[in-house]
Amino acid sequence: MPRSVVFPPDDVLGPVAASGQLAPGMQAVNVAFRQSPYPTAQEAEVFERLHPGAFGRILAMTEKGQKAAIDASAVAQDYQRDDTRRGHWLGASLTVLAIAVGAAVGIWGNPIVAVAILGVPVFTAISRFVDSVRGK
C-alpha cells in the first residue's frame, strides 16, 4: 500500500509537520514500490473493463513464464551435473594413473621419484577425507 513520505522526517519538522502545512521550498512525495508478475486488483479491474478476459490471459502468460524459468533452471542443473561428473571421472582417472606410474617407478628402483609421484594423489585423498569429516 502506498504511503506518504515527507522529507525531512516529522521529528525534524516539528510544529510544521503537526499543522500539516509544509514549509516554503518543501515538497511532499508519494512513492509506491511494487514487484510482482501480476497487476494490482485495481489494475486488473481496469484491464477487464477495457478488454474482457485480459486478466486471465495475463495470468496464463505469467504461469507460462514461470514454468519456462523452472524448466530452464532444471536444464542448467542437468548440464552442471554432467560437467561435474566428467570432472570427477577425469580426476579419478588421473589419480589411478599417477598411482600406477608411481608404483611402477618404485618397483623399478627409484623410490624418490615414486614418493614424489604418489605424494600428490595420496595427499589429495587425505585432505578430501579430512574436509569431509570437518563438514566442509
N, C-alpha and C. Protein backbone atom coordinates (compact mmCIF):
# COMPACT_ATOMS: atom_id res chain seq x y z
N MET A 1 0.85 -1.17 0.00
CA MET A 1 0.00 0.00 0.00
C MET A 1 0.89 1.23 0.00
N PRO A 2 0.65 2.19 -0.88
CA PRO A 2 1.47 3.38 -0.91
C PRO A 2 1.32 4.20 0.36
N ARG A 3 2.38 4.85 0.75
CA ARG A 3 2.30 5.72 1.92
C ARG A 3 3.03 7.01 1.60
N SER A 4 2.62 8.05 2.24
CA SER A 4 3.24 9.35 2.01
C SER A 4 4.48 9.47 2.86
N VAL A 5 5.53 9.97 2.27
CA VAL A 5 6.78 10.18 2.97
C VAL A 5 7.15 11.63 2.83
N VAL A 6 7.45 12.26 3.94
CA VAL A 6 7.85 13.65 3.92
C VAL A 6 9.29 13.71 4.36
N PHE A 7 10.11 14.43 3.60
CA PHE A 7 11.50 14.58 3.99
C PHE A 7 11.76 16.05 4.24
N PRO A 8 12.38 16.41 5.28
CA PRO A 8 12.90 15.59 6.36
C PRO A 8 11.79 15.02 7.23
N PRO A 9 12.10 14.03 8.07
CA PRO A 9 11.08 13.37 8.90
C PRO A 9 10.39 14.34 9.85
N ASP A 10 9.26 13.87 10.40
CA ASP A 10 8.44 14.71 11.27
C ASP A 10 9.20 15.25 12.47
N ASP A 11 10.09 14.47 13.03
CA ASP A 11 10.79 14.95 14.22
C ASP A 11 11.72 16.13 13.90
N VAL A 12 12.12 16.28 12.65
CA VAL A 12 12.95 17.42 12.25
C VAL A 12 12.06 18.63 11.97
N LEU A 13 10.87 18.38 11.40
CA LEU A 13 9.99 19.48 11.02
C LEU A 13 9.30 20.12 12.22
N GLY A 14 9.05 19.35 13.26
CA GLY A 14 8.44 19.88 14.48
C GLY A 14 7.02 20.37 14.25
N PRO A 15 6.72 21.63 14.62
CA PRO A 15 5.36 22.15 14.54
C PRO A 15 4.84 22.26 13.11
N VAL A 16 5.72 22.35 12.13
CA VAL A 16 5.27 22.44 10.74
C VAL A 16 4.57 21.13 10.35
N ALA A 17 5.15 19.99 10.75
CA ALA A 17 4.54 18.70 10.42
C ALA A 17 3.22 18.51 11.16
N ALA A 18 3.14 18.98 12.38
CA ALA A 18 1.91 18.82 13.15
C ALA A 18 0.76 19.59 12.53
N SER A 19 1.06 20.72 11.91
CA SER A 19 -0.01 21.52 11.32
C SER A 19 -0.45 20.96 9.97
N GLY A 20 0.37 20.08 9.36
CA GLY A 20 0.03 19.53 8.06
C GLY A 20 0.45 20.42 6.91
N GLN A 21 1.03 21.58 7.22
CA GLN A 21 1.49 22.51 6.19
C GLN A 21 2.99 22.35 6.01
N LEU A 22 3.42 22.35 4.79
CA LEU A 22 4.85 22.25 4.51
C LEU A 22 5.46 23.64 4.46
N ALA A 23 6.67 23.71 4.91
CA ALA A 23 7.40 24.98 4.86
C ALA A 23 7.67 25.34 3.40
N PRO A 24 7.85 26.61 3.11
CA PRO A 24 8.16 27.00 1.72
C PRO A 24 9.42 26.29 1.23
N GLY A 25 9.38 25.79 0.01
CA GLY A 25 10.51 25.09 -0.58
C GLY A 25 10.52 23.61 -0.29
N MET A 26 9.57 23.13 0.50
CA MET A 26 9.50 21.69 0.80
C MET A 26 8.43 21.06 -0.08
N GLN A 27 8.59 19.77 -0.32
CA GLN A 27 7.67 19.08 -1.20
C GLN A 27 7.35 17.71 -0.62
N ALA A 28 6.10 17.33 -0.64
CA ALA A 28 5.69 16.00 -0.20
C ALA A 28 5.69 15.08 -1.42
N VAL A 29 6.20 13.89 -1.24
CA VAL A 29 6.30 12.94 -2.34
C VAL A 29 5.63 11.65 -1.93
N ASN A 30 4.81 11.12 -2.82
CA ASN A 30 4.16 9.84 -2.58
C ASN A 30 4.81 8.82 -3.51
N VAL A 31 5.47 7.81 -2.93
CA VAL A 31 6.19 6.82 -3.71
C VAL A 31 5.67 5.44 -3.35
N ALA A 32 5.40 4.62 -4.36
CA ALA A 32 4.97 3.24 -4.13
C ALA A 32 5.86 2.32 -4.95
N PHE A 33 6.42 1.32 -4.29
CA PHE A 33 7.23 0.33 -4.97
C PHE A 33 6.50 -0.99 -4.95
N ARG A 34 6.52 -1.69 -6.07
CA ARG A 34 5.80 -2.94 -6.17
C ARG A 34 6.53 -3.82 -7.16
N GLN A 35 6.68 -5.08 -6.80
CA GLN A 35 7.33 -6.01 -7.73
C GLN A 35 6.52 -7.30 -7.73
N SER A 36 5.89 -7.57 -8.84
CA SER A 36 5.06 -8.76 -8.95
C SER A 36 4.76 -9.00 -10.43
N PRO A 37 4.62 -10.26 -10.81
CA PRO A 37 4.24 -10.51 -12.20
C PRO A 37 2.76 -10.22 -12.45
N TYR A 38 2.01 -10.00 -11.38
CA TYR A 38 0.57 -9.79 -11.50
C TYR A 38 0.23 -8.32 -11.27
N PRO A 39 -0.77 -7.80 -11.97
CA PRO A 39 -1.19 -6.43 -11.70
C PRO A 39 -1.95 -6.36 -10.38
N THR A 40 -2.09 -5.15 -9.84
CA THR A 40 -2.89 -4.98 -8.62
C THR A 40 -4.35 -5.26 -8.94
N ALA A 41 -5.16 -5.35 -7.90
CA ALA A 41 -6.59 -5.62 -8.10
C ALA A 41 -7.24 -4.48 -8.89
N GLN A 42 -6.85 -3.24 -8.60
CA GLN A 42 -7.43 -2.10 -9.31
C GLN A 42 -7.02 -2.15 -10.79
N GLU A 43 -5.77 -2.47 -11.07
CA GLU A 43 -5.32 -2.56 -12.46
C GLU A 43 -6.03 -3.70 -13.18
N ALA A 44 -6.19 -4.83 -12.52
CA ALA A 44 -6.88 -5.97 -13.13
C ALA A 44 -8.32 -5.61 -13.47
N GLU A 45 -8.97 -4.86 -12.59
CA GLU A 45 -10.35 -4.45 -12.84
C GLU A 45 -10.43 -3.54 -14.07
N VAL A 46 -9.47 -2.64 -14.20
CA VAL A 46 -9.44 -1.74 -15.37
C VAL A 46 -9.19 -2.55 -16.64
N PHE A 47 -8.26 -3.50 -16.59
CA PHE A 47 -7.98 -4.34 -17.75
C PHE A 47 -9.24 -5.09 -18.18
N GLU A 48 -9.95 -5.64 -17.22
CA GLU A 48 -11.16 -6.42 -17.53
C GLU A 48 -12.25 -5.54 -18.15
N ARG A 49 -12.36 -4.30 -17.65
CA ARG A 49 -13.36 -3.40 -18.22
C ARG A 49 -12.98 -3.02 -19.65
N LEU A 50 -11.69 -2.78 -19.90
CA LEU A 50 -11.27 -2.37 -21.24
C LEU A 50 -11.29 -3.53 -22.22
N HIS A 51 -10.87 -4.69 -21.74
CA HIS A 51 -10.78 -5.85 -22.63
C HIS A 51 -11.13 -7.10 -21.82
N PRO A 52 -12.38 -7.58 -21.92
CA PRO A 52 -12.79 -8.75 -21.13
C PRO A 52 -11.88 -9.96 -21.40
N GLY A 53 -11.49 -10.63 -20.33
CA GLY A 53 -10.61 -11.80 -20.43
C GLY A 53 -9.13 -11.46 -20.39
N ALA A 54 -8.80 -10.17 -20.30
CA ALA A 54 -7.39 -9.76 -20.33
C ALA A 54 -6.65 -10.27 -19.10
N PHE A 55 -7.27 -10.21 -17.94
CA PHE A 55 -6.59 -10.64 -16.72
C PHE A 55 -6.30 -12.14 -16.76
N GLY A 56 -7.23 -12.92 -17.30
CA GLY A 56 -6.98 -14.36 -17.45
C GLY A 56 -5.80 -14.64 -18.36
N ARG A 57 -5.68 -13.86 -19.44
CA ARG A 57 -4.53 -14.03 -20.33
C ARG A 57 -3.22 -13.60 -19.64
N ILE A 58 -3.29 -12.55 -18.83
CA ILE A 58 -2.10 -12.12 -18.08
C ILE A 58 -1.66 -13.23 -17.14
N LEU A 59 -2.60 -13.85 -16.44
CA LEU A 59 -2.26 -14.95 -15.54
C LEU A 59 -1.68 -16.13 -16.30
N ALA A 60 -2.26 -16.46 -17.44
CA ALA A 60 -1.75 -17.58 -18.24
C ALA A 60 -0.33 -17.30 -18.73
N MET A 61 -0.07 -16.07 -19.19
CA MET A 61 1.28 -15.72 -19.65
C MET A 61 2.28 -15.78 -18.51
N THR A 62 1.88 -15.32 -17.34
CA THR A 62 2.77 -15.34 -16.18
C THR A 62 3.09 -16.78 -15.78
N GLU A 63 2.07 -17.63 -15.78
CA GLU A 63 2.29 -19.04 -15.43
C GLU A 63 3.22 -19.71 -16.44
N LYS A 64 3.04 -19.40 -17.73
CA LYS A 64 3.93 -19.96 -18.76
C LYS A 64 5.36 -19.47 -18.56
N GLY A 65 5.52 -18.20 -18.22
CA GLY A 65 6.85 -17.64 -17.98
C GLY A 65 7.53 -18.29 -16.79
N GLN A 66 6.76 -18.51 -15.72
CA GLN A 66 7.34 -19.16 -14.53
C GLN A 66 7.71 -20.60 -14.84
N LYS A 67 6.88 -21.29 -15.59
CA LYS A 67 7.19 -22.68 -15.95
C LYS A 67 8.44 -22.73 -16.83
N ALA A 68 8.57 -21.80 -17.75
CA ALA A 68 9.75 -21.76 -18.62
C ALA A 68 11.01 -21.49 -17.79
N ALA A 69 10.92 -20.61 -16.80
CA ALA A 69 12.08 -20.33 -15.94
C ALA A 69 12.46 -21.56 -15.12
N ILE A 70 11.48 -22.28 -14.61
CA ILE A 70 11.75 -23.50 -13.84
C ILE A 70 12.38 -24.56 -14.74
N ASP A 71 11.85 -24.72 -15.96
CA ASP A 71 12.41 -25.70 -16.89
C ASP A 71 13.84 -25.35 -17.28
N ALA A 72 14.10 -24.06 -17.51
CA ALA A 72 15.46 -23.63 -17.86
C ALA A 72 16.42 -23.90 -16.70
N SER A 73 15.96 -23.69 -15.48
CA SER A 73 16.80 -23.97 -14.31
C SER A 73 17.10 -25.45 -14.20
N ALA A 74 16.12 -26.30 -14.49
CA ALA A 74 16.33 -27.74 -14.44
C ALA A 74 17.35 -28.18 -15.50
N VAL A 75 17.25 -27.62 -16.69
CA VAL A 75 18.21 -27.95 -17.76
C VAL A 75 19.62 -27.51 -17.36
N ALA A 76 19.74 -26.31 -16.78
CA ALA A 76 21.06 -25.82 -16.33
C ALA A 76 21.64 -26.74 -15.26
N GLN A 77 20.81 -27.22 -14.36
CA GLN A 77 21.28 -28.15 -13.33
C GLN A 77 21.74 -29.46 -13.94
N ASP A 78 21.04 -29.93 -14.96
CA ASP A 78 21.46 -31.16 -15.65
C ASP A 78 22.83 -30.98 -16.29
N TYR A 79 23.03 -29.85 -16.98
CA TYR A 79 24.33 -29.59 -17.60
C TYR A 79 25.43 -29.49 -16.55
N GLN A 80 25.14 -28.83 -15.44
CA GLN A 80 26.14 -28.69 -14.39
C GLN A 80 26.48 -30.05 -13.79
N ARG A 81 25.48 -30.89 -13.59
CA ARG A 81 25.72 -32.23 -13.05
C ARG A 81 26.59 -33.05 -14.01
N ASP A 82 26.31 -32.96 -15.31
CA ASP A 82 27.11 -33.68 -16.30
C ASP A 82 28.56 -33.19 -16.31
N ASP A 83 28.74 -31.87 -16.24
CA ASP A 83 30.10 -31.31 -16.21
C ASP A 83 30.84 -31.76 -14.96
N THR A 84 30.15 -31.76 -13.83
CA THR A 84 30.78 -32.19 -12.58
C THR A 84 31.15 -33.67 -12.65
N ARG A 85 30.26 -34.47 -13.21
CA ARG A 85 30.55 -35.90 -13.34
C ARG A 85 31.78 -36.12 -14.22
N ARG A 86 31.88 -35.39 -15.31
CA ARG A 86 33.04 -35.50 -16.20
C ARG A 86 34.32 -35.13 -15.45
N GLY A 87 34.27 -34.08 -14.65
CA GLY A 87 35.43 -33.68 -13.86
C GLY A 87 35.83 -34.73 -12.84
N HIS A 88 34.84 -35.36 -12.23
CA HIS A 88 35.14 -36.43 -11.26
C HIS A 88 35.81 -37.62 -11.94
N TRP A 89 35.30 -37.99 -13.11
CA TRP A 89 35.93 -39.10 -13.85
C TRP A 89 37.36 -38.76 -14.26
N LEU A 90 37.57 -37.53 -14.70
CA LEU A 90 38.91 -37.11 -15.09
C LEU A 90 39.86 -37.16 -13.89
N GLY A 91 39.41 -36.63 -12.76
CA GLY A 91 40.24 -36.65 -11.56
C GLY A 91 40.55 -38.05 -11.09
N ALA A 92 39.54 -38.92 -11.11
CA ALA A 92 39.76 -40.30 -10.68
C ALA A 92 40.72 -41.02 -11.63
N SER A 93 40.57 -40.77 -12.93
CA SER A 93 41.45 -41.42 -13.91
C SER A 93 42.90 -40.97 -13.72
N LEU A 94 43.10 -39.68 -13.54
CA LEU A 94 44.46 -39.17 -13.33
C LEU A 94 45.06 -39.69 -12.03
N THR A 95 44.23 -39.84 -11.00
CA THR A 95 44.72 -40.37 -9.73
C THR A 95 45.17 -41.81 -9.88
N VAL A 96 44.36 -42.62 -10.54
CA VAL A 96 44.71 -44.03 -10.76
C VAL A 96 45.98 -44.11 -11.61
N LEU A 97 46.08 -43.29 -12.65
CA LEU A 97 47.26 -43.28 -13.49
C LEU A 97 48.51 -42.89 -12.68
N ALA A 98 48.39 -41.87 -11.84
CA ALA A 98 49.53 -41.44 -11.02
C ALA A 98 49.95 -42.53 -10.05
N ILE A 99 49.00 -43.23 -9.45
CA ILE A 99 49.33 -44.32 -8.53
C ILE A 99 50.03 -45.45 -9.28
N ALA A 100 49.52 -45.79 -10.48
CA ALA A 100 50.13 -46.86 -11.26
C ALA A 100 51.55 -46.50 -11.68
N VAL A 101 51.73 -45.26 -12.14
CA VAL A 101 53.07 -44.83 -12.56
C VAL A 101 54.00 -44.77 -11.35
N GLY A 102 53.52 -44.26 -10.23
CA GLY A 102 54.33 -44.19 -9.02
C GLY A 102 54.74 -45.57 -8.53
N ALA A 103 53.81 -46.51 -8.57
CA ALA A 103 54.13 -47.87 -8.15
C ALA A 103 55.14 -48.50 -9.11
N ALA A 104 54.97 -48.29 -10.41
CA ALA A 104 55.91 -48.86 -11.38
C ALA A 104 57.31 -48.27 -11.20
N VAL A 105 57.40 -46.98 -11.00
CA VAL A 105 58.70 -46.34 -10.80
C VAL A 105 59.34 -46.84 -9.51
N GLY A 106 58.52 -47.03 -8.48
CA GLY A 106 59.05 -47.56 -7.21
C GLY A 106 59.55 -48.98 -7.35
N ILE A 107 58.85 -49.80 -8.11
CA ILE A 107 59.26 -51.19 -8.30
C ILE A 107 60.56 -51.25 -9.10
N TRP A 108 60.73 -50.35 -10.06
CA TRP A 108 61.92 -50.37 -10.91
C TRP A 108 63.14 -49.69 -10.27
N GLY A 109 63.02 -49.36 -9.00
CA GLY A 109 64.20 -48.95 -8.26
C GLY A 109 64.46 -47.47 -8.09
N ASN A 110 63.46 -46.62 -8.22
CA ASN A 110 63.67 -45.19 -8.00
C ASN A 110 62.65 -44.69 -6.97
N PRO A 111 62.87 -44.96 -5.68
CA PRO A 111 61.87 -44.65 -4.66
C PRO A 111 61.63 -43.16 -4.47
N ILE A 112 62.59 -42.30 -4.71
CA ILE A 112 62.40 -40.86 -4.51
C ILE A 112 61.39 -40.32 -5.52
N VAL A 113 61.52 -40.72 -6.76
CA VAL A 113 60.56 -40.29 -7.79
C VAL A 113 59.19 -40.90 -7.51
N ALA A 114 59.17 -42.15 -7.05
CA ALA A 114 57.89 -42.81 -6.73
C ALA A 114 57.16 -42.06 -5.62
N VAL A 115 57.88 -41.62 -4.58
CA VAL A 115 57.26 -40.85 -3.49
C VAL A 115 56.74 -39.52 -4.02
N ALA A 116 57.50 -38.87 -4.90
CA ALA A 116 57.07 -37.60 -5.47
C ALA A 116 55.79 -37.78 -6.30
N ILE A 117 55.73 -38.85 -7.08
CA ILE A 117 54.55 -39.09 -7.91
C ILE A 117 53.36 -39.50 -7.05
N LEU A 118 53.56 -40.35 -6.06
CA LEU A 118 52.46 -40.82 -5.22
C LEU A 118 52.02 -39.78 -4.20
N GLY A 119 52.87 -38.80 -3.92
CA GLY A 119 52.52 -37.80 -2.90
C GLY A 119 51.29 -37.00 -3.24
N VAL A 120 51.14 -36.60 -4.49
CA VAL A 120 50.01 -35.75 -4.88
C VAL A 120 48.67 -36.46 -4.70
N PRO A 121 48.45 -37.64 -5.28
CA PRO A 121 47.13 -38.26 -5.10
C PRO A 121 46.86 -38.69 -3.66
N VAL A 122 47.91 -39.14 -2.96
CA VAL A 122 47.69 -39.55 -1.56
C VAL A 122 47.35 -38.34 -0.70
N PHE A 123 48.09 -37.23 -0.88
CA PHE A 123 47.79 -36.01 -0.12
C PHE A 123 46.39 -35.49 -0.45
N THR A 124 46.01 -35.54 -1.71
CA THR A 124 44.67 -35.08 -2.11
C THR A 124 43.59 -35.93 -1.47
N ALA A 125 43.77 -37.25 -1.48
CA ALA A 125 42.78 -38.14 -0.86
C ALA A 125 42.67 -37.88 0.64
N ILE A 126 43.79 -37.68 1.30
CA ILE A 126 43.78 -37.42 2.74
C ILE A 126 43.10 -36.08 3.03
N SER A 127 43.42 -35.04 2.26
CA SER A 127 42.81 -33.74 2.52
C SER A 127 41.31 -33.76 2.25
N ARG A 128 40.85 -34.49 1.24
CA ARG A 128 39.40 -34.59 0.98
C ARG A 128 38.71 -35.34 2.11
N PHE A 129 39.35 -36.36 2.62
CA PHE A 129 38.77 -37.11 3.74
C PHE A 129 38.66 -36.21 4.97
N VAL A 130 39.71 -35.47 5.26
CA VAL A 130 39.68 -34.56 6.42
C VAL A 130 38.59 -33.50 6.24
N ASP A 131 38.47 -32.94 5.04
CA ASP A 131 37.43 -31.94 4.77
C ASP A 131 36.04 -32.53 4.96
N SER A 132 35.84 -33.76 4.54
CA SER A 132 34.51 -34.39 4.69
C SER A 132 34.18 -34.63 6.16
N VAL A 133 35.21 -34.97 6.94
CA VAL A 133 34.97 -35.18 8.38
C VAL A 133 34.67 -33.85 9.07
N ARG A 134 35.33 -32.80 8.65
CA ARG A 134 35.09 -31.47 9.23
C ARG A 134 33.76 -30.88 8.79
N GLY A 135 33.19 -31.39 7.72
CA GLY A 135 31.90 -30.91 7.23
C GLY A 135 31.98 -29.79 6.22
N LYS A 136 33.10 -29.64 5.56
CA LYS A 136 33.24 -28.58 4.54
C LYS A 136 32.60 -29.02 3.25
